Amino acid sequence: ILSISSLTVLICSILMFVASLVSKKTISDREKLSPFEC
């Protein structure tokens, strides 16, 4: 039970790390950094 729960935590941590790497948008320009007011 301890090894299964440790494995589950490890898999979830790896999935969250990979998801954060994939979802990052590093392209930023002047228009995206400026505030939008209608």
PDB file of all heavy atoms in Angstrom:
ATOM      1  N   ILE A   1       0.836  -1.202   0.000  1.00  0.00           N
ATOM      2  CA  ILE A   1       0.000   0.000   0.000  1.00  0.00           C
ATOM      3  C   ILE A   1       0.864   1.243   0.000  1.00  0.00           C
ATOM      4  O   ILE A   1       0.593   2.215  -0.712  1.00  0.00           O
ATOM      5  CB  ILE A   1      -0.948  -0.011   1.218  1.00  0.00           C
ATOM      6  CG1 ILE A   1      -1.950  -1.157   1.083  1.00  0.00           C
ATOM      7  CG2 ILE A   1      -1.684   1.314   1.352  1.00  0.00           C
ATOM      8  CD1 ILE A   1      -2.807  -1.353   2.293  1.00  0.00           C
ATOM      9  N   LEU A   2       1.949   1.221   0.775  1.00  0.00           N
ATOM     10  CA  LEU A   2       2.854   2.370   0.832  1.00  0.00           C
ATOM     11  C   LEU A   2       3.545   2.587  -0.507  1.00  0.00           C
ATOM     12  O   LEU A   2       3.697   3.716  -0.955  1.00  0.00           O
ATOM     13  CB  LEU A   2       3.893   2.159   1.943  1.00  0.00           C
ATOM     14  CG  LEU A   2       4.842   3.303   2.209  1.00  0.00           C
ATOM     15  CD1 LEU A   2       4.068   4.525   2.666  1.00  0.00           C
ATOM     16  CD2 LEU A   2       5.859   2.902   3.247  1.00  0.00           C
ATOM     17  N   SER A   3       3.947   1.506  -1.163  1.00  0.00           N
ATOM     18  CA  SER A   3       4.627   1.657  -2.450  1.00  0.00           C
ATOM     19  C   SER A   3       3.649   2.115  -3.543  1.00  0.00           C
ATOM     20  O   SER A   3       4.032   2.877  -4.426  1.00  0.00           O
ATOM     21  CB  SER A   3       5.307   0.351  -2.851  1.00  0.00           C
ATOM     22  OG  SER A   3       4.351  -0.670  -3.060  1.00  0.00           O
ATOM     23  N   ILE A   4       2.402   1.656  -3.495  1.00  0.00           N
ATOM     24  CA  ILE A   4       1.413   2.079  -4.488  1.00  0.00           C
ATOM     25  C   ILE A   4       1.101   3.567  -4.312  1.00  0.00           C
ATOM     26  O   ILE A   4       1.022   4.317  -5.286  1.00  0.00           O
ATOM     27  CB  ILE A   4       0.126   1.227  -4.387  1.00  0.00           C
ATOM     28  CG1 ILE A   4       0.407  -0.191  -4.885  1.00  0.00           C
ATOM     29  CG2 ILE A   4      -1.011   1.845  -5.194  1.00  0.00           C
ATOM     30  CD1 ILE A   4      -0.736  -1.145  -4.701  1.00  0.00           C
ATOM     31  N   SER A   5       0.946   4.017  -3.072  1.00  0.00           N
ATOM     32  CA  SER A   5       0.661   5.429  -2.853  1.00  0.00           C
ATOM     33  C   SER A   5       1.864   6.298  -3.225  1.00  0.00           C
ATOM     34  O   SER A   5       1.704   7.388  -3.774  1.00  0.00           O
ATOM     35  CB  SER A   5       0.247   5.679  -1.404  1.00  0.00           C
ATOM     36  OG  SER A   5       1.305   5.327  -0.533  1.00  0.00           O
ATOM     37  N   SER A   6       3.073   5.819  -2.965  1.00  0.00           N
ATOM     38  CA  SER A   6       4.264   6.571  -3.363  1.00  0.00           C
ATOM     39  C   SER A   6       4.371   6.650  -4.876  1.00  0.00           C
ATOM     40  O   SER A   6       4.735   7.692  -5.430  1.00  0.00           O
ATOM     41  CB  SER A   6       5.523   5.922  -2.799  1.00  0.00           C
ATOM     42  OG  SER A   6       5.482   5.885  -1.403  1.00  0.00           O
ATOM     43  N   LEU A   7       4.046   5.562  -5.546  1.00  0.00           N
ATOM     44  CA  LEU A   7       4.075   5.541  -7.005  1.00  0.00           C
ATOM     45  C   LEU A   7       3.015   6.490  -7.576  1.00  0.00           C
ATOM     46  O   LEU A   7       3.280   7.204  -8.552  1.00  0.00           O
ATOM     47  CB  LEU A   7       3.848   4.111  -7.510  1.00  0.00           C
ATOM     48  CG  LEU A   7       3.935   3.906  -9.018  1.00  0.00           C
ATOM     49  CD1 LEU A   7       5.350   4.200  -9.498  1.00  0.00           C
ATOM     50  CD2 LEU A   7       3.526   2.502  -9.380  1.00  0.00           C
ATOM     51  N   THR A   8       1.858   6.524  -6.961  1.00  0.00           N
ATOM     52  CA  THR A   8       0.801   7.425  -7.413  1.00  0.00           C
ATOM     53  C   THR A   8       1.217   8.882  -7.260  1.00  0.00           C
ATOM     54  O   THR A   8       0.998   9.700  -8.164  1.00  0.00           O
ATOM     55  CB  THR A   8      -0.492   7.161  -6.615  1.00  0.00           C
ATOM     56  OG1 THR A   8      -0.843   5.792  -6.727  1.00  0.00           O
ATOM     57  CG2 THR A   8      -1.629   8.035  -7.107  1.00  0.00           C
ATOM     58  N   VAL A   9       1.817   9.229  -6.139  1.00  0.00           N
ATOM     59  CA  VAL A   9       2.290  10.590  -5.919  1.00  0.00           C
ATOM     60  C   VAL A   9       3.378  10.945  -6.926  1.00  0.00           C
ATOM     61  O   VAL A   9       3.403  12.054  -7.472  1.00  0.00           O
ATOM     62  CB  VAL A   9       2.797  10.770  -4.464  1.00  0.00           C
ATOM     63  CG1 VAL A   9       3.542  12.074  -4.291  1.00  0.00           C
ATOM     64  CG2 VAL A   9       1.643  10.680  -3.491  1.00  0.00           C
ATOM     65  N   LEU A  10       4.272  10.029  -7.203  1.00  0.00           N
ATOM     66  CA  LEU A  10       5.352  10.269  -8.159  1.00  0.00           C
ATOM     67  C   LEU A  10       4.796  10.489  -9.566  1.00  0.00           C
ATOM     68  O   LEU A  10       5.199  11.425 -10.261  1.00  0.00           O
ATOM     69  CB  LEU A  10       6.341   9.100  -8.151  1.00  0.00           C
ATOM     70  CG  LEU A  10       7.519   9.218  -9.101  1.00  0.00           C
ATOM     71  CD1 LEU A  10       8.437  10.344  -8.642  1.00  0.00           C
ATOM     72  CD2 LEU A  10       8.268   7.907  -9.177  1.00  0.00           C
ATOM     73  N   ILE A  11       3.848   9.666  -9.975  1.00  0.00           N
ATOM     74  CA  ILE A  11       3.261   9.812 -11.308  1.00  0.00           C
ATOM     75  C   ILE A  11       2.506  11.131 -11.429  1.00  0.00           C
ATOM     76  O   ILE A  11       2.623  11.841 -12.431  1.00  0.00           O
ATOM     77  CB  ILE A  11       2.343   8.606 -11.628  1.00  0.00           C
ATOM     78  CG1 ILE A  11       3.196   7.354 -11.852  1.00  0.00           C
ATOM     79  CG2 ILE A  11       1.483   8.876 -12.861  1.00  0.00           C
ATOM     80  CD1 ILE A  11       2.391   6.089 -11.995  1.00  0.00           C
ATOM     81  N   CYS A  12       1.750  11.499 -10.384  1.00  0.00           N
ATOM     82  CA  CYS A  12       1.018  12.769 -10.417  1.00  0.00           C
ATOM     83  C   CYS A  12       1.977  13.952 -10.469  1.00  0.00           C
ATOM     84  O   CYS A  12       1.728  14.932 -11.180  1.00  0.00           O
ATOM     85  CB  CYS A  12       0.107  12.879  -9.199  1.00  0.00           C
ATOM     86  SG  CYS A  12      -1.312  11.788  -9.276  1.00  0.00           S
ATOM     87  N   SER A  13       3.069  13.873  -9.732  1.00  0.00           N
ATOM     88  CA  SER A  13       4.052  14.960  -9.742  1.00  0.00           C
ATOM     89  C   SER A  13       4.696  15.112 -11.115  1.00  0.00           C
ATOM     90  O   SER A  13       4.874  16.226 -11.611  1.00  0.00           O
ATOM     91  CB  SER A  13       5.130  14.708  -8.697  1.00  0.00           C
ATOM     92  OG  SER A  13       4.586  14.649  -7.412  1.00  0.00           O
ATOM     93  N   ILE A  14       5.033  14.000 -11.732  1.00  0.00           N
ATOM     94  CA  ILE A  14       5.639  14.044 -13.063  1.00  0.00           C
ATOM     95  C   ILE A  14       4.647  14.607 -14.078  1.00  0.00           C
ATOM     96  O   ILE A  14       5.008  15.443 -14.915  1.00  0.00           O
ATOM     97  CB  ILE A  14       6.138  12.638 -13.477  1.00  0.00           C
ATOM     98  CG1 ILE A  14       7.349  12.242 -12.633  1.00  0.00           C
ATOM     99  CG2 ILE A  14       6.486  12.593 -14.960  1.00  0.00           C
ATOM    100  CD1 ILE A  14       7.799  10.809 -12.818  1.00  0.00           C
ATOM    101  N   LEU A  15       3.379  14.185 -14.000  1.00  0.00           N
ATOM    102  CA  LEU A  15       2.365  14.701 -14.921  1.00  0.00           C
ATOM    103  C   LEU A  15       2.143  16.195 -14.740  1.00  0.00           C
ATOM    104  O   LEU A  15       2.006  16.937 -15.722  1.00  0.00           O
ATOM    105  CB  LEU A  15       1.051  13.954 -14.725  1.00  0.00           C
ATOM    106  CG  LEU A  15       0.978  12.571 -15.349  1.00  0.00           C
ATOM    107  CD1 LEU A  15      -0.328  11.899 -14.979  1.00  0.00           C
ATOM    108  CD2 LEU A  15       1.139  12.645 -16.850  1.00  0.00           C
ATOM    109  N   MET A  16       2.129  16.675 -13.504  1.00  0.00           N
ATOM    110  CA  MET A  16       1.957  18.115 -13.273  1.00  0.00           C
ATOM    111  C   MET A  16       3.152  18.898 -13.784  1.00  0.00           C
ATOM    112  O   MET A  16       3.000  19.985 -14.354  1.00  0.00           O
ATOM    113  CB  MET A  16       1.738  18.383 -11.783  1.00  0.00           C
ATOM    114  CG  MET A  16       0.353  18.028 -11.309  1.00  0.00           C
ATOM    115  SD  MET A  16      -0.022  18.600  -9.659  1.00  0.00           S
ATOM    116  CE  MET A  16       0.989  17.535  -8.669  1.00  0.00           C
ATOM    117  N   PHE A  17       4.353  18.361 -13.626  1.00  0.00           N
ATOM    118  CA  PHE A  17       5.555  19.040 -14.116  1.00  0.00           C
ATOM    119  C   PHE A  17       5.552  19.112 -15.639  1.00  0.00           C
ATOM    120  O   PHE A  17       5.834  20.157 -16.228  1.00  0.00           O
ATOM    121  CB  PHE A  17       6.809  18.322 -13.607  1.00  0.00           C
ATOM    122  CG  PHE A  17       8.081  18.944 -14.073  1.00  0.00           C
ATOM    123  CD1 PHE A  17       8.497  20.162 -13.571  1.00  0.00           C
ATOM    124  CD2 PHE A  17       8.855  18.316 -15.039  1.00  0.00           C
ATOM    125  CE1 PHE A  17       9.677  20.744 -14.012  1.00  0.00           C
ATOM    126  CE2 PHE A  17      10.028  18.884 -15.488  1.00  0.00           C
ATOM    127  CZ  PHE A  17      10.445  20.104 -14.968  1.00  0.00           C
ATOM    128  N   VAL A  18       5.211  18.009 -16.280  1.00  0.00           N
ATOM    129  CA  VAL A  18       5.164  17.991 -17.749  1.00  0.00           C
ATOM    130  C   VAL A  18       4.070  18.923 -18.260  1.00  0.00           C
ATOM    131  O   VAL A  18       4.268  19.657 -19.233  1.00  0.00           O
ATOM    132  CB  VAL A  18       4.965  16.543 -18.258  1.00  0.00           C
ATOM    133  CG1 VAL A  18       4.639  16.512 -19.738  1.00  0.00           C
ATOM    134  CG2 VAL A  18       6.200  15.705 -17.975  1.00  0.00           C
ATOM    135  N   ALA A  19       2.924  18.940 -17.589  1.00  0.00           N
ATOM    136  CA  ALA A  19       1.830  19.835 -18.010  1.00  0.00           C
ATOM    137  C   ALA A  19       2.230  21.292 -17.863  1.00  0.00           C
ATOM    138  O   ALA A  19       1.888  22.116 -18.709  1.00  0.00           O
ATOM    139  CB  ALA A  19       0.581  19.538 -17.195  1.00  0.00           C
ATOM    140  N   SER A  20       2.969  21.630 -16.808  1.00  0.00           N
ATOM    141  CA  SER A  20       3.394  23.025 -16.652  1.00  0.00           C
ATOM    142  C   SER A  20       4.429  23.414 -17.695  1.00  0.00           C
ATOM    143  O   SER A  20       4.461  24.559 -18.146  1.00  0.00           O
ATOM    144  CB  SER A  20       3.939  23.255 -15.244  1.00  0.00           C
ATOM    145  OG  SER A  20       5.176  22.597 -15.084  1.00  0.00           O
ATOM    146  N   LEU A  21       5.271  22.477 -18.104  1.00  0.00           N
ATOM    147  CA  LEU A  21       6.242  22.782 -19.155  1.00  0.00           C
ATOM    148  C   LEU A  21       5.565  22.959 -20.509  1.00  0.00           C
ATOM    149  O   LEU A  21       5.936  23.835 -21.290  1.00  0.00           O
ATOM    150  CB  LEU A  21       7.294  21.672 -19.256  1.00  0.00           C
ATOM    151  CG  LEU A  21       8.343  21.619 -18.147  1.00  0.00           C
ATOM    152  CD1 LEU A  21       9.278  20.445 -18.366  1.00  0.00           C
ATOM    153  CD2 LEU A  21       9.115  22.911 -18.066  1.00  0.00           C
ATOM    154  N   VAL A  22       4.587  22.115 -20.795  1.00  0.00           N
ATOM    155  CA  VAL A  22       3.912  22.163 -22.086  1.00  0.00           C
ATOM    156  C   VAL A  22       3.028  23.404 -22.192  1.00  0.00           C
ATOM    157  O   VAL A  22       2.920  24.024 -23.251  1.00  0.00           O
ATOM    158  CB  VAL A  22       3.078  20.877 -22.289  1.00  0.00           C
ATOM    159  CG1 VAL A  22       2.179  20.986 -23.496  1.00  0.00           C
ATOM    160  CG2 VAL A  22       3.999  19.684 -22.422  1.00  0.00           C
ATOM    161  N   SER A  23       2.404  23.817 -21.095  1.00  0.00           N
ATOM    162  CA  SER A  23       1.428  24.911 -21.154  1.00  0.00           C
ATOM    163  C   SER A  23       2.048  26.298 -21.098  1.00  0.00           C
ATOM    164  O   SER A  23       1.339  27.276 -21.283  1.00  0.00           O
ATOM    165  CB  SER A  23       0.431  24.767 -20.012  1.00  0.00           C
ATOM    166  OG  SER A  23       1.086  25.002 -18.778  1.00  0.00           O
ATOM    167  N   LYS A  24       3.315  26.421 -20.853  1.00  0.00           N
ATOM    168  CA  LYS A  24       3.936  27.742 -20.776  1.00  0.00           C
ATOM    169  C   LYS A  24       4.016  28.378 -22.154  1.00  0.00           C
ATOM    170  O   LYS A  24       4.455  27.771 -23.119  1.00  0.00           O
ATOM    171  CB  LYS A  24       5.335  27.651 -20.169  1.00  0.00           C
ATOM    172  CG  LYS A  24       5.330  27.457 -18.699  1.00  0.00           C
ATOM    173  CD  LYS A  24       6.713  27.574 -18.137  1.00  0.00           C
ATOM    174  CE  LYS A  24       6.678  27.375 -16.645  1.00  0.00           C
ATOM    175  NZ  LYS A  24       7.976  27.387 -16.044  1.00  0.00           N
ATOM    176  N   LYS A  25       3.591  29.617 -22.192  1.00  0.00           N
ATOM    177  CA  LYS A  25       3.694  30.376 -23.433  1.00  0.00           C
ATOM    178  C   LYS A  25       4.791  31.407 -23.225  1.00  0.00           C
ATOM    179  O   LYS A  25       4.633  32.354 -22.467  1.00  0.00           O
ATOM    180  CB  LYS A  25       2.368  31.034 -23.758  1.00  0.00           C
ATOM    181  CG  LYS A  25       1.283  30.033 -24.033  1.00  0.00           C
ATOM    182  CD  LYS A  25      -0.024  30.693 -24.321  1.00  0.00           C
ATOM    183  CE  LYS A  25      -1.064  29.617 -24.572  1.00  0.00           C
ATOM    184  NZ  LYS A  25      -2.384  30.165 -24.726  1.00  0.00           N
ATOM    185  N   THR A  26       5.876  31.233 -23.904  1.00  0.00           N
ATOM    186  CA  THR A  26       7.022  32.113 -23.693  1.00  0.00           C
ATOM    187  C   THR A  26       7.067  33.262 -24.688  1.00  0.00           C
ATOM    188  O   THR A  26       7.923  34.119 -24.580  1.00  0.00           O
ATOM    189  CB  THR A  26       8.338  31.311 -23.801  1.00  0.00           C
ATOM    190  OG1 THR A  26       8.383  30.667 -25.074  1.00  0.00           O
ATOM    191  CG2 THR A  26       8.410  30.272 -22.698  1.00  0.00           C
ATOM    192  N   ILE A  27       6.145  33.280 -25.635  1.00  0.00           N
ATOM    193  CA  ILE A  27       6.129  34.361 -26.604  1.00  0.00           C
ATOM    194  C   ILE A  27       5.404  35.551 -25.986  1.00  0.00           C
ATOM    195  O   ILE A  27       4.228  35.476 -25.645  1.00  0.00           O
ATOM    196  CB  ILE A  27       5.415  33.939 -27.907  1.00  0.00           C
ATOM    197  CG1 ILE A  27       6.117  32.742 -28.529  1.00  0.00           C
ATOM    198  CG2 ILE A  27       5.340  35.098 -28.876  1.00  0.00           C
ATOM    199  CD1 ILE A  27       5.365  32.136 -29.682  1.00  0.00           C
ATOM    200  N   SER A  28       6.119  36.647 -25.808  1.00  0.00           N
ATOM    201  CA  SER A  28       5.493  37.840 -25.257  1.00  0.00           C
ATOM    202  C   SER A  28       5.968  39.044 -26.060  1.00  0.00           C
ATOM    203  O   SER A  28       7.144  39.209 -26.331  1.00  0.00           O
ATOM    204  CB  SER A  28       5.836  38.004 -23.778  1.00  0.00           C
ATOM    205  OG  SER A  28       7.226  38.038 -23.600  1.00  0.00           O
ATOM    206  N   ASP A  29       5.021  39.845 -26.457  1.00  0.00           N
ATOM    207  CA  ASP A  29       5.351  41.053 -27.206  1.00  0.00           C
ATOM    208  C   ASP A  29       4.725  42.260 -26.508  1.00  0.00           C
ATOM    209  O   ASP A  29       4.093  42.141 -25.463  1.00  0.00           O
ATOM    210  CB  ASP A  29       4.890  40.943 -28.659  1.00  0.00           C
ATOM    211  CG  ASP A  29       3.409  40.654 -28.780  1.00  0.00           C
ATOM    212  OD1 ASP A  29       2.751  40.512 -27.736  1.00  0.00           O
ATOM    213  OD2 ASP A  29       2.910  40.594 -29.911  1.00  0.00           O
ATOM    214  N   ARG A  30       4.875  43.427 -27.086  1.00  0.00           N
ATOM    215  CA  ARG A  30       4.411  44.656 -26.469  1.00  0.00           C
ATOM    216  C   ARG A  30       2.892  44.685 -26.328  1.00  0.00           C
ATOM    217  O   ARG A  30       2.359  45.164 -25.338  1.00  0.00           O
ATOM    218  CB  ARG A  30       4.879  45.850 -27.296  1.00  0.00           C
ATOM    219  CG  ARG A  30       4.627  47.193 -26.641  1.00  0.00           C
ATOM    220  CD  ARG A  30       5.149  48.320 -27.490  1.00  0.00           C
ATOM    221  NE  ARG A  30       4.388  48.531 -28.704  1.00  0.00           N
ATOM    222  CZ  ARG A  30       3.289  49.281 -28.775  1.00  0.00           C
ATOM    223  NH1 ARG A  30       2.827  49.871 -27.705  1.00  0.00           N
ATOM    224  NH2 ARG A  30       2.660  49.438 -29.914  1.00  0.00           N
ATOM    225  N   GLU A  31       2.184  44.139 -27.299  1.00  0.00           N
ATOM    226  CA  GLU A  31       0.725  44.157 -27.260  1.00  0.00           C
ATOM    227  C   GLU A  31       0.179  43.255 -26.157  1.00  0.00           C
ATOM    228  O   GLU A  31      -0.799  43.591 -25.497  1.00  0.00           O
ATOM    229  CB  GLU A  31       0.154  43.725 -28.611  1.00  0.00           C
ATOM    230  CG  GLU A  31       0.384  44.713 -29.724  1.00  0.00           C
ATOM    231  CD  GLU A  31      -0.329  46.027 -29.458  1.00  0.00           C
ATOM    232  OE1 GLU A  31      -1.443  46.009 -28.920  1.00  0.00           O
ATOM    233  OE2 GLU A  31       0.249  47.071 -29.788  1.00  0.00           O
ATOM    234  N   LYS A  32       0.818  42.114 -25.945  1.00  0.00           N
ATOM    235  CA  LYS A  32       0.328  41.201 -24.921  1.00  0.00           C
ATOM    236  C   LYS A  32       0.679  41.674 -23.517  1.00  0.00           C
ATOM    237  O   LYS A  32      -0.010  41.341 -22.560  1.00  0.00           O
ATOM    238  CB  LYS A  32       0.887  39.800 -25.142  1.00  0.00           C
ATOM    239  CG  LYS A  32       0.255  39.098 -26.309  1.00  0.00           C
ATOM    240  CD  LYS A  32       0.698  37.676 -26.391  1.00  0.00           C
ATOM    241  CE  LYS A  32       0.023  36.984 -27.561  1.00  0.00           C
ATOM    242  NZ  LYS A  32       0.406  35.592 -27.663  1.00  0.00           N
ATOM    243  N   LEU A  33       1.730  42.432 -23.371  1.00  0.00           N
ATOM    244  CA  LEU A  33       2.135  42.910 -22.062  1.00  0.00           C
ATOM    245  C   LEU A  33       1.431  44.193 -21.658  1.00  0.00           C
ATOM    246  O   LEU A  33       1.473  44.586 -20.495  1.00  0.00           O
ATOM    247  CB  LEU A  33       3.651  43.119 -22.022  1.00  0.00           C
ATOM    248  CG  LEU A  33       4.489  41.840 -22.143  1.00  0.00           C
ATOM    249  CD1 LEU A  33       5.963  42.182 -22.163  1.00  0.00           C
ATOM    250  CD2 LEU A  33       4.176  40.892 -21.002  1.00  0.00           C
ATOM    251  N   SER A  34       0.777  44.876 -22.585  1.00  0.00           N
ATOM    252  CA  SER A  34       0.092  46.119 -22.257  1.00  0.00           C
ATOM    253  C   SER A  34      -1.309  45.813 -21.733  1.00  0.00           C
ATOM    254  O   SER A  34      -1.934  44.842 -22.140  1.00  0.00           O
ATOM    255  CB  SER A  34       0.003  47.019 -23.486  1.00  0.00           C
ATOM    256  OG  SER A  34      -0.839  46.444 -24.443  1.00  0.00           O
ATOM    257  N   PRO A  35      -1.825  46.647 -20.817  1.00  0.00           N
ATOM    258  CA  PRO A  35      -3.179  46.415 -20.299  1.00  0.00           C
ATOM    259  C   PRO A  35      -4.223  46.690 -21.372  1.00  0.00           C
ATOM    260  O   PRO A  35      -4.039  47.541 -22.234  1.00  0.00           O
ATOM    261  CB  PRO A  35      -3.293  47.399 -19.136  1.00  0.00           C
ATOM    262  CG  PRO A  35      -2.274  48.443 -19.416  1.00  0.00           C
ATOM    263  CD  PRO A  35      -1.168  47.783 -20.180  1.00  0.00           C
ATOM    264  N   PHE A  36      -5.318  45.967 -21.301  1.00  0.00           N
ATOM    265  CA  PHE A  36      -6.397  46.105 -22.283  1.00  0.00           C
ATOM    266  C   PHE A  36      -7.558  46.848 -21.653  1.00  0.00           C
ATOM    267  O   PHE A  36      -8.071  46.448 -20.614  1.00  0.00           O
ATOM    268  CB  PHE A  36      -6.852  44.728 -22.755  1.00  0.00           C
ATOM    269  CG  PHE A  36      -7.963  44.784 -23.748  1.00  0.00           C
ATOM    270  CD1 PHE A  36      -7.733  45.203 -25.041  1.00  0.00           C
ATOM    271  CD2 PHE A  36      -9.244  44.422 -23.384  1.00  0.00           C
ATOM    272  CE1 PHE A  36      -8.753  45.262 -25.972  1.00  0.00           C
ATOM    273  CE2 PHE A  36     -10.284  44.472 -24.294  1.00  0.00           C
ATOM    274  CZ  PHE A  36     -10.023  44.895 -25.593  1.00  0.00           C
ATOM    275  N   GLU A  37      -7.975  47.952 -22.259  1.00  0.00           N
ATOM    276  CA  GLU A  37      -9.105  48.727 -21.765  1.00  0.00           C
ATOM    277  C   GLU A  37     -10.114  48.926 -22.894  1.00  0.00           C
ATOM    278  O   GLU A  37     -10.240  50.003 -23.466  1.00  0.00           O
ATOM    279  CB  GLU A  37      -8.639  50.075 -21.224  1.00  0.00           C
ATOM    280  CG  GLU A  37      -7.786  49.951 -19.983  1.00  0.00           C
ATOM    281  CD  GLU A  37      -7.433  51.307 -19.390  1.00  0.00           C
ATOM    282  OE1 GLU A  37      -7.986  52.323 -19.846  1.00  0.00           O
ATOM    283  OE2 GLU A  37      -6.607  51.344 -18.486  1.00  0.00           O
ATOM    284  N   CYS A  38     -10.798  47.894 -23.275  1.00  0.00           N
ATOM    285  CA  CYS A  38     -11.868  47.948 -24.278  1.00  0.00           C
ATOM    286  C   CYS A  38     -11.393  48.505 -25.616  1.00  0.00           C
ATOM    287  O   CYS A  38     -12.115  49.243 -26.288  1.00  0.00           O
ATOM    288  CB  CYS A  38     -13.050  48.759 -23.753  1.00  0.00           C
ATOM    289  SG  CYS A  38     -13.774  48.069 -22.278  1.00  0.00           S
TER     290      CYS A  38
END
